[in-house]
Amino acid sequence: MAEELTDLVKARKDLVWGLYSDVRLHARHAEMLRSNVVNVMIVVASVLVAVIANDGGVERSELPLCVAVTLAGLIGLAFAASYTELFERNRRRAVRLRQHLDDEFFADGPASLASLLDEADVPHESSRLHRWTRGITGTTQRFWLLLPAAVLVAGGVLTAVAL
């Protein structure tokens, strides 16, 4: 009976760990998709702005290109916001699963997973570079929303000038 219980505990631990790994992988995938789409949107918008500005001014004939820049920013912003939510959902799931692992399997040990992570983060979070960059950007999620928003605003301004 004791061996069955041990096997059951091992199976539960493996199952929760596998689920944790899977959810973290989904979060990374969402983050990678978000950053790639925003990067492609910036390249597309840059090419469109280069074509618009090639003749030295913005004319009415370039209105479709200006609208395309605006649409690129709008689509990029919607995609970035959607994938930010998806990343955050999977990140929170992973934190909850890690907490479950801590509570069930590491509560009696010398250190929990959360305490090890917190301890490992202290040198980085106390650095001047970390405090400076977080003071400017807040979180990287804000940064990935700011870029498509800037393209959206630039497209709106170009569209207004072209009218």
N, C-alpha and C. Protein backbone atom coordinates (compact mmCIF):
# COMPACT_ATOMS: atom_id res chain seq x y z
N MET A 1 0.82 -1.20 0.00
CA MET A 1 0.00 0.00 0.00
C MET A 1 0.86 1.25 0.00
N ALA A 2 1.96 1.21 0.77
CA ALA A 2 2.85 2.38 0.83
C ALA A 2 3.49 2.65 -0.52
N GLU A 3 3.83 1.56 -1.25
CA GLU A 3 4.43 1.76 -2.57
C GLU A 3 3.42 2.37 -3.54
N GLU A 4 2.15 1.96 -3.44
CA GLU A 4 1.12 2.53 -4.29
C GLU A 4 0.96 4.02 -4.01
N LEU A 5 0.98 4.38 -2.75
CA LEU A 5 0.86 5.79 -2.38
C LEU A 5 2.04 6.57 -2.91
N THR A 6 3.23 6.00 -2.79
CA THR A 6 4.42 6.67 -3.30
C THR A 6 4.32 6.83 -4.82
N ASP A 7 3.88 5.78 -5.50
CA ASP A 7 3.71 5.88 -6.95
C ASP A 7 2.65 6.91 -7.31
N LEU A 8 1.59 6.96 -6.52
CA LEU A 8 0.54 7.94 -6.77
C LEU A 8 1.06 9.36 -6.57
N VAL A 9 1.84 9.56 -5.52
CA VAL A 9 2.42 10.88 -5.26
C VAL A 9 3.37 11.27 -6.39
N LYS A 10 4.19 10.32 -6.84
CA LYS A 10 5.11 10.59 -7.95
C LYS A 10 4.33 10.95 -9.22
N ALA A 11 3.27 10.20 -9.48
CA ALA A 11 2.46 10.47 -10.67
C ALA A 11 1.81 11.86 -10.59
N ARG A 12 1.31 12.20 -9.40
CA ARG A 12 0.71 13.54 -9.23
C ARG A 12 1.75 14.63 -9.45
N LYS A 13 2.92 14.44 -8.88
CA LYS A 13 3.99 15.42 -9.02
C LYS A 13 4.38 15.58 -10.49
N ASP A 14 4.54 14.45 -11.19
CA ASP A 14 4.89 14.50 -12.61
C ASP A 14 3.79 15.16 -13.43
N LEU A 15 2.55 14.87 -13.08
CA LEU A 15 1.43 15.47 -13.80
C LEU A 15 1.38 16.98 -13.61
N VAL A 16 1.51 17.43 -12.37
CA VAL A 16 1.47 18.87 -12.10
C VAL A 16 2.69 19.55 -12.72
N TRP A 17 3.86 18.92 -12.62
CA TRP A 17 5.06 19.50 -13.21
C TRP A 17 4.92 19.58 -14.73
N GLY A 18 4.37 18.54 -15.35
CA GLY A 18 4.15 18.56 -16.80
C GLY A 18 3.17 19.66 -17.20
N LEU A 19 2.12 19.81 -16.43
CA LEU A 19 1.15 20.87 -16.70
C LEU A 19 1.79 22.24 -16.55
N TYR A 20 2.59 22.41 -15.49
CA TYR A 20 3.32 23.67 -15.28
C TYR A 20 4.23 23.98 -16.47
N SER A 21 4.99 22.99 -16.91
CA SER A 21 5.90 23.18 -18.05
C SER A 21 5.12 23.53 -19.31
N ASP A 22 4.00 22.86 -19.52
CA ASP A 22 3.18 23.11 -20.70
C ASP A 22 2.61 24.53 -20.69
N VAL A 23 2.12 24.97 -19.56
CA VAL A 23 1.54 26.31 -19.45
C VAL A 23 2.62 27.38 -19.64
N ARG A 24 3.82 27.15 -19.10
CA ARG A 24 4.93 28.09 -19.30
C ARG A 24 5.31 28.15 -20.78
N LEU A 25 5.28 27.01 -21.45
CA LEU A 25 5.58 26.97 -22.87
C LEU A 25 4.54 27.76 -23.66
N HIS A 26 3.28 27.64 -23.30
CA HIS A 26 2.22 28.42 -23.96
C HIS A 26 2.43 29.92 -23.73
N ALA A 27 2.85 30.29 -22.54
CA ALA A 27 3.11 31.71 -22.24
C ALA A 27 4.26 32.22 -23.10
N ARG A 28 5.33 31.44 -23.20
CA ARG A 28 6.47 31.85 -24.03
C ARG A 28 6.06 31.97 -25.50
N HIS A 29 5.24 31.04 -25.95
CA HIS A 29 4.78 31.07 -27.33
C HIS A 29 3.96 32.33 -27.61
N ALA A 30 3.07 32.68 -26.71
CA ALA A 30 2.27 33.90 -26.88
C ALA A 30 3.17 35.13 -26.90
N GLU A 31 4.18 35.15 -26.04
CA GLU A 31 5.11 36.27 -25.98
C GLU A 31 5.91 36.38 -27.28
N MET A 32 6.33 35.23 -27.82
CA MET A 32 7.09 35.23 -29.07
C MET A 32 6.21 35.70 -30.23
N LEU A 33 4.98 35.22 -30.29
CA LEU A 33 4.08 35.66 -31.36
C LEU A 33 3.83 37.16 -31.27
N ARG A 34 3.59 37.65 -30.08
CA ARG A 34 3.33 39.08 -29.89
C ARG A 34 4.52 39.91 -30.36
N SER A 35 5.71 39.56 -29.95
CA SER A 35 6.88 40.35 -30.33
C SER A 35 7.14 40.26 -31.83
N ASN A 36 6.95 39.09 -32.43
CA ASN A 36 7.17 38.96 -33.88
C ASN A 36 6.15 39.76 -34.68
N VAL A 37 4.89 39.71 -34.29
CA VAL A 37 3.87 40.47 -35.02
C VAL A 37 4.11 41.97 -34.89
N VAL A 38 4.47 42.43 -33.70
CA VAL A 38 4.75 43.85 -33.52
C VAL A 38 5.96 44.26 -34.36
N ASN A 39 6.99 43.42 -34.40
CA ASN A 39 8.16 43.73 -35.21
C ASN A 39 7.83 43.79 -36.69
N VAL A 40 7.05 42.84 -37.18
CA VAL A 40 6.64 42.86 -38.59
C VAL A 40 5.79 44.09 -38.88
N MET A 41 4.89 44.44 -37.95
CA MET A 41 4.06 45.63 -38.12
C MET A 41 4.93 46.88 -38.23
N ILE A 42 5.97 46.97 -37.43
CA ILE A 42 6.86 48.13 -37.48
C ILE A 42 7.60 48.18 -38.81
N VAL A 43 8.04 47.04 -39.30
CA VAL A 43 8.73 47.00 -40.60
C VAL A 43 7.78 47.43 -41.71
N VAL A 44 6.57 46.89 -41.72
CA VAL A 44 5.58 47.26 -42.74
C VAL A 44 5.26 48.75 -42.67
N ALA A 45 5.02 49.26 -41.48
CA ALA A 45 4.72 50.68 -41.32
C ALA A 45 5.91 51.54 -41.75
N SER A 46 7.12 51.09 -41.45
CA SER A 46 8.31 51.85 -41.85
C SER A 46 8.43 51.93 -43.37
N VAL A 47 8.17 50.82 -44.04
CA VAL A 47 8.22 50.82 -45.50
C VAL A 47 7.16 51.75 -46.07
N LEU A 48 5.96 51.68 -45.52
CA LEU A 48 4.88 52.56 -46.00
C LEU A 48 5.21 54.03 -45.76
N VAL A 49 5.75 54.36 -44.61
CA VAL A 49 6.12 55.75 -44.32
C VAL A 49 7.25 56.19 -45.24
N ALA A 50 8.19 55.30 -45.54
CA ALA A 50 9.27 55.65 -46.47
C ALA A 50 8.72 55.95 -47.86
N VAL A 51 7.75 55.17 -48.31
CA VAL A 51 7.14 55.43 -49.62
C VAL A 51 6.37 56.74 -49.60
N ILE A 52 5.64 57.00 -48.51
CA ILE A 52 4.87 58.24 -48.38
C ILE A 52 5.79 59.45 -48.38
N ALA A 53 6.87 59.37 -47.64
CA ALA A 53 7.77 60.52 -47.47
C ALA A 53 8.82 60.63 -48.57
N ASN A 54 8.83 59.70 -49.49
CA ASN A 54 9.85 59.68 -50.54
C ASN A 54 9.88 60.95 -51.37
N ASP A 55 8.73 61.55 -51.64
CA ASP A 55 8.69 62.75 -52.48
C ASP A 55 8.82 64.03 -51.67
N GLY A 56 9.03 63.91 -50.38
CA GLY A 56 9.26 65.09 -49.55
C GLY A 56 8.00 65.68 -48.93
N GLY A 57 6.86 65.11 -49.17
CA GLY A 57 5.62 65.63 -48.59
C GLY A 57 4.54 64.56 -48.60
N VAL A 58 3.42 64.90 -47.98
CA VAL A 58 2.28 63.98 -47.94
C VAL A 58 1.18 64.60 -48.80
N GLU A 59 0.78 63.86 -49.83
CA GLU A 59 -0.24 64.36 -50.76
C GLU A 59 -1.49 63.51 -50.67
N ARG A 60 -2.55 64.04 -51.24
CA ARG A 60 -3.84 63.32 -51.21
C ARG A 60 -3.76 61.97 -51.92
N SER A 61 -2.92 61.88 -52.93
CA SER A 61 -2.79 60.61 -53.66
C SER A 61 -2.18 59.51 -52.78
N GLU A 62 -1.57 59.90 -51.68
CA GLU A 62 -0.96 58.92 -50.78
C GLU A 62 -1.89 58.52 -49.62
N LEU A 63 -3.14 58.96 -49.71
CA LEU A 63 -4.11 58.66 -48.66
C LEU A 63 -4.26 57.16 -48.40
N PRO A 64 -4.34 56.30 -49.43
CA PRO A 64 -4.46 54.86 -49.14
C PRO A 64 -3.26 54.31 -48.35
N LEU A 65 -2.07 54.83 -48.63
CA LEU A 65 -0.89 54.38 -47.88
C LEU A 65 -0.96 54.86 -46.43
N CYS A 66 -1.44 56.09 -46.24
CA CYS A 66 -1.59 56.63 -44.88
C CYS A 66 -2.61 55.81 -44.08
N VAL A 67 -3.70 55.46 -44.74
CA VAL A 67 -4.71 54.62 -44.08
C VAL A 67 -4.13 53.24 -43.78
N ALA A 68 -3.29 52.72 -44.68
CA ALA A 68 -2.65 51.42 -44.45
C ALA A 68 -1.74 51.47 -43.22
N VAL A 69 -1.03 52.57 -43.02
CA VAL A 69 -0.20 52.72 -41.81
C VAL A 69 -1.09 52.71 -40.57
N THR A 70 -2.20 53.44 -40.65
CA THR A 70 -3.14 53.47 -39.52
C THR A 70 -3.70 52.08 -39.23
N LEU A 71 -4.08 51.36 -40.27
CA LEU A 71 -4.61 50.00 -40.09
C LEU A 71 -3.54 49.06 -39.53
N ALA A 72 -2.30 49.22 -39.99
CA ALA A 72 -1.22 48.38 -39.46
C ALA A 72 -1.07 48.62 -37.96
N GLY A 73 -1.13 49.88 -37.55
CA GLY A 73 -1.04 50.20 -36.12
C GLY A 73 -2.23 49.66 -35.34
N LEU A 74 -3.42 49.79 -35.91
CA LEU A 74 -4.63 49.31 -35.24
C LEU A 74 -4.61 47.79 -35.08
N ILE A 75 -4.28 47.09 -36.15
CA ILE A 75 -4.22 45.63 -36.09
C ILE A 75 -3.10 45.19 -35.15
N GLY A 76 -1.95 45.85 -35.23
CA GLY A 76 -0.85 45.51 -34.33
C GLY A 76 -1.21 45.73 -32.87
N LEU A 77 -1.91 46.83 -32.59
CA LEU A 77 -2.32 47.12 -31.22
C LEU A 77 -3.32 46.09 -30.71
N ALA A 78 -4.29 45.74 -31.55
CA ALA A 78 -5.28 44.73 -31.16
C ALA A 78 -4.61 43.38 -30.91
N PHE A 79 -3.70 43.00 -31.80
CA PHE A 79 -3.00 41.73 -31.65
C PHE A 79 -2.13 41.74 -30.39
N ALA A 80 -1.40 42.82 -30.18
CA ALA A 80 -0.52 42.91 -29.00
C ALA A 80 -1.34 42.86 -27.71
N ALA A 81 -2.47 43.55 -27.69
CA ALA A 81 -3.32 43.53 -26.49
C ALA A 81 -3.88 42.13 -26.25
N SER A 82 -4.31 41.48 -27.31
CA SER A 82 -4.87 40.14 -27.18
C SER A 82 -3.82 39.15 -26.68
N TYR A 83 -2.64 39.21 -27.24
CA TYR A 83 -1.60 38.27 -26.84
C TYR A 83 -0.96 38.63 -25.51
N THR A 84 -1.05 39.89 -25.11
CA THR A 84 -0.64 40.27 -23.76
C THR A 84 -1.55 39.58 -22.75
N GLU A 85 -2.85 39.60 -23.03
CA GLU A 85 -3.82 38.94 -22.14
C GLU A 85 -3.57 37.43 -22.11
N LEU A 86 -3.31 36.84 -23.28
CA LEU A 86 -3.05 35.40 -23.34
C LEU A 86 -1.79 35.04 -22.56
N PHE A 87 -0.74 35.83 -22.73
CA PHE A 87 0.50 35.60 -21.98
C PHE A 87 0.23 35.70 -20.48
N GLU A 88 -0.47 36.75 -20.09
CA GLU A 88 -0.72 36.98 -18.66
C GLU A 88 -1.57 35.85 -18.07
N ARG A 89 -2.55 35.37 -18.82
CA ARG A 89 -3.37 34.25 -18.34
C ARG A 89 -2.51 33.02 -18.10
N ASN A 90 -1.66 32.69 -19.06
CA ASN A 90 -0.80 31.51 -18.91
C ASN A 90 0.26 31.71 -17.83
N ARG A 91 0.77 32.92 -17.69
CA ARG A 91 1.74 33.20 -16.63
C ARG A 91 1.10 33.00 -15.26
N ARG A 92 -0.11 33.51 -15.10
CA ARG A 92 -0.80 33.35 -13.81
C ARG A 92 -1.14 31.89 -13.52
N ARG A 93 -1.52 31.16 -14.54
CA ARG A 93 -1.76 29.73 -14.36
C ARG A 93 -0.48 29.04 -13.88
N ALA A 94 0.63 29.38 -14.51
CA ALA A 94 1.91 28.76 -14.13
C ALA A 94 2.29 29.11 -12.70
N VAL A 95 2.07 30.35 -12.30
CA VAL A 95 2.37 30.74 -10.92
C VAL A 95 1.51 29.93 -9.96
N ARG A 96 0.25 29.75 -10.30
CA ARG A 96 -0.65 28.97 -9.43
C ARG A 96 -0.21 27.51 -9.36
N LEU A 97 0.19 26.94 -10.49
CA LEU A 97 0.67 25.55 -10.48
C LEU A 97 1.97 25.42 -9.70
N ARG A 98 2.87 26.39 -9.83
CA ARG A 98 4.11 26.37 -9.07
C ARG A 98 3.82 26.47 -7.57
N GLN A 99 2.84 27.30 -7.22
CA GLN A 99 2.45 27.42 -5.82
C GLN A 99 1.90 26.09 -5.30
N HIS A 100 1.13 25.41 -6.14
CA HIS A 100 0.62 24.09 -5.76
C HIS A 100 1.77 23.11 -5.54
N LEU A 101 2.75 23.12 -6.44
CA LEU A 101 3.92 22.26 -6.26
C LEU A 101 4.64 22.58 -4.95
N ASP A 102 4.80 23.88 -4.68
CA ASP A 102 5.43 24.30 -3.43
C ASP A 102 4.66 23.78 -2.22
N ASP A 103 3.36 24.01 -2.23
CA ASP A 103 2.53 23.63 -1.08
C ASP A 103 2.51 22.12 -0.85
N GLU A 104 2.43 21.37 -1.94
CA GLU A 104 2.26 19.93 -1.80
C GLU A 104 3.58 19.17 -1.64
N PHE A 105 4.64 19.62 -2.31
CA PHE A 105 5.85 18.82 -2.34
C PHE A 105 7.07 19.47 -1.69
N PHE A 106 7.04 20.77 -1.49
CA PHE A 106 8.22 21.44 -0.94
C PHE A 106 7.96 22.17 0.37
N ALA A 107 6.79 21.99 0.94
CA ALA A 107 6.44 22.70 2.17
C ALA A 107 7.33 22.29 3.35
N ASP A 108 7.73 21.03 3.38
CA ASP A 108 8.55 20.55 4.50
C ASP A 108 10.04 20.69 4.25
N GLY A 109 10.42 21.11 3.05
CA GLY A 109 11.84 21.21 2.71
C GLY A 109 12.48 22.49 3.21
N PRO A 110 13.78 22.62 3.00
CA PRO A 110 14.49 23.82 3.47
C PRO A 110 14.11 25.07 2.68
N ALA A 111 13.72 24.91 1.42
CA ALA A 111 13.35 26.08 0.61
C ALA A 111 12.28 25.68 -0.39
N SER A 112 11.38 26.61 -0.67
CA SER A 112 10.34 26.37 -1.67
C SER A 112 10.82 26.92 -3.01
N LEU A 113 10.12 26.54 -4.06
CA LEU A 113 10.46 27.06 -5.39
C LEU A 113 10.33 28.58 -5.43
N ALA A 114 9.27 29.09 -4.83
CA ALA A 114 9.04 30.54 -4.84
C ALA A 114 10.15 31.27 -4.09
N SER A 115 10.58 30.73 -2.95
CA SER A 115 11.64 31.41 -2.19
C SER A 115 12.97 31.35 -2.93
N LEU A 116 13.23 30.25 -3.63
CA LEU A 116 14.46 30.17 -4.43
C LEU A 116 14.44 31.19 -5.57
N LEU A 117 13.29 31.34 -6.23
CA LEU A 117 13.18 32.33 -7.30
C LEU A 117 13.32 33.75 -6.76
N ASP A 118 12.67 34.02 -5.64
CA ASP A 118 12.77 35.36 -5.04
C ASP A 118 14.21 35.67 -4.66
N GLU A 119 14.89 34.69 -4.09
CA GLU A 119 16.29 34.88 -3.68
C GLU A 119 17.18 35.11 -4.91
N ALA A 120 16.91 34.39 -6.00
CA ALA A 120 17.71 34.56 -7.21
C ALA A 120 17.47 35.91 -7.87
N ASP A 121 16.28 36.49 -7.69
CA ASP A 121 15.95 37.78 -8.30
C ASP A 121 16.51 38.98 -7.56
N VAL A 122 16.89 38.82 -6.31
CA VAL A 122 17.33 39.96 -5.50
C VAL A 122 18.50 40.72 -6.12
N PRO A 123 19.59 40.07 -6.55
CA PRO A 123 20.70 40.85 -7.12
C PRO A 123 20.30 41.64 -8.36
N HIS A 124 19.48 41.05 -9.20
CA HIS A 124 19.05 41.74 -10.42
C HIS A 124 18.12 42.91 -10.10
N GLU A 125 17.13 42.67 -9.26
CA GLU A 125 16.15 43.71 -8.96
C GLU A 125 16.73 44.85 -8.13
N SER A 126 17.83 44.62 -7.46
CA SER A 126 18.45 45.70 -6.69
C SER A 126 19.46 46.49 -7.52
N SER A 127 19.69 46.08 -8.76
CA SER A 127 20.65 46.78 -9.61
C SER A 127 20.08 48.11 -10.10
N ARG A 128 20.96 49.03 -10.36
CA ARG A 128 20.54 50.35 -10.82
C ARG A 128 19.90 50.26 -12.21
N LEU A 129 20.45 49.39 -13.07
CA LEU A 129 19.90 49.23 -14.41
C LEU A 129 18.44 48.78 -14.35
N HIS A 130 18.14 47.82 -13.51
CA HIS A 130 16.76 47.32 -13.38
C HIS A 130 15.83 48.43 -12.90
N ARG A 131 16.23 49.14 -11.87
CA ARG A 131 15.38 50.22 -11.33
C ARG A 131 15.18 51.31 -12.38
N TRP A 132 16.22 51.64 -13.13
CA TRP A 132 16.13 52.69 -14.14
C TRP A 132 15.19 52.29 -15.28
N THR A 133 15.38 51.07 -15.81
CA THR A 133 14.53 50.64 -16.93
C THR A 133 13.08 50.45 -16.49
N ARG A 134 12.86 49.91 -15.30
CA ARG A 134 11.48 49.75 -14.82
C ARG A 134 10.84 51.09 -14.53
N GLY A 135 11.65 52.06 -14.13
CA GLY A 135 11.12 53.41 -13.91
C GLY A 135 10.63 54.04 -15.20
N ILE A 136 11.29 53.73 -16.31
CA ILE A 136 10.90 54.31 -17.60
C ILE A 136 9.75 53.53 -18.22
N THR A 137 9.91 52.22 -18.31
CA THR A 137 8.93 51.42 -19.04
C THR A 137 7.85 50.81 -18.17
N GLY A 138 8.08 50.70 -16.89
CA GLY A 138 7.12 50.01 -16.03
C GLY A 138 7.26 48.52 -16.24
N THR A 139 6.57 47.98 -17.21
CA THR A 139 6.72 46.57 -17.56
C THR A 139 7.01 46.48 -19.04
N THR A 140 7.52 45.35 -19.47
CA THR A 140 7.75 45.17 -20.90
C THR A 140 6.44 45.05 -21.65
N GLN A 141 5.37 44.67 -20.96
CA GLN A 141 4.07 44.59 -21.62
C GLN A 141 3.63 45.96 -22.12
N ARG A 142 3.88 46.98 -21.33
CA ARG A 142 3.54 48.34 -21.74
C ARG A 142 4.32 48.72 -22.99
N PHE A 143 5.58 48.33 -23.05
CA PHE A 143 6.43 48.63 -24.20
C PHE A 143 5.85 48.03 -25.48
N TRP A 144 5.42 46.77 -25.41
CA TRP A 144 4.90 46.11 -26.60
C TRP A 144 3.54 46.66 -27.03
N LEU A 145 2.85 47.36 -26.14
CA LEU A 145 1.61 48.04 -26.52
C LEU A 145 1.89 49.45 -27.03
N LEU A 146 2.97 50.04 -26.55
CA LEU A 146 3.32 51.40 -26.93
C LEU A 146 3.74 51.50 -28.39
N LEU A 147 4.47 50.51 -28.88
CA LEU A 147 4.94 50.55 -30.27
C LEU A 147 3.80 50.57 -31.28
N PRO A 148 2.84 49.64 -31.22
CA PRO A 148 1.75 49.73 -32.18
C PRO A 148 0.88 50.97 -31.97
N ALA A 149 0.77 51.43 -30.73
CA ALA A 149 0.01 52.66 -30.49
C ALA A 149 0.69 53.84 -31.17
N ALA A 150 2.02 53.88 -31.14
CA ALA A 150 2.76 54.95 -31.82
C ALA A 150 2.55 54.88 -33.33
N VAL A 151 2.54 53.67 -33.89
CA VAL A 151 2.28 53.52 -35.33
C VAL A 151 0.86 53.96 -35.65
N LEU A 152 -0.09 53.62 -34.80
CA LEU A 152 -1.48 54.04 -35.00
C LEU A 152 -1.59 55.56 -35.00
N VAL A 153 -0.95 56.21 -34.06
CA VAL A 153 -0.99 57.68 -33.99
C VAL A 153 -0.30 58.29 -35.21
N ALA A 154 0.86 57.74 -35.59
CA ALA A 154 1.56 58.26 -36.77
C ALA A 154 0.71 58.10 -38.02
N GLY A 155 0.04 56.96 -38.14
CA GLY A 155 -0.84 56.75 -39.29
C GLY A 155 -2.01 57.72 -39.28
N GLY A 156 -2.55 57.98 -38.11
CA GLY A 156 -3.64 58.96 -38.00
C GLY A 156 -3.20 60.35 -38.39
N VAL A 157 -2.01 60.74 -37.95
CA VAL A 157 -1.48 62.07 -38.31
C VAL A 157 -1.23 62.15 -39.81
N LEU A 158 -0.63 61.11 -40.38
CA LEU A 158 -0.38 61.11 -41.83
C LEU A 158 -1.69 61.16 -42.61
N THR A 159 -2.69 60.43 -42.14
CA THR A 159 -4.00 60.45 -42.81
C THR A 159 -4.62 61.84 -42.74
N ALA A 160 -4.53 62.48 -41.59
CA ALA A 160 -5.07 63.84 -41.44
C ALA A 160 -4.34 64.82 -42.36
N VAL A 161 -3.04 64.68 -42.47
CA VAL A 161 -2.27 65.57 -43.35
C VAL A 161 -2.62 65.31 -44.81
N ALA A 162 -2.85 64.04 -45.17
CA ALA A 162 -3.17 63.70 -46.56
C ALA A 162 -4.56 64.19 -46.96
N LEU A 163 -5.43 64.37 -46.00
CA LEU A 163 -6.78 64.86 -46.33
C LEU A 163 -6.68 66.32 -46.65
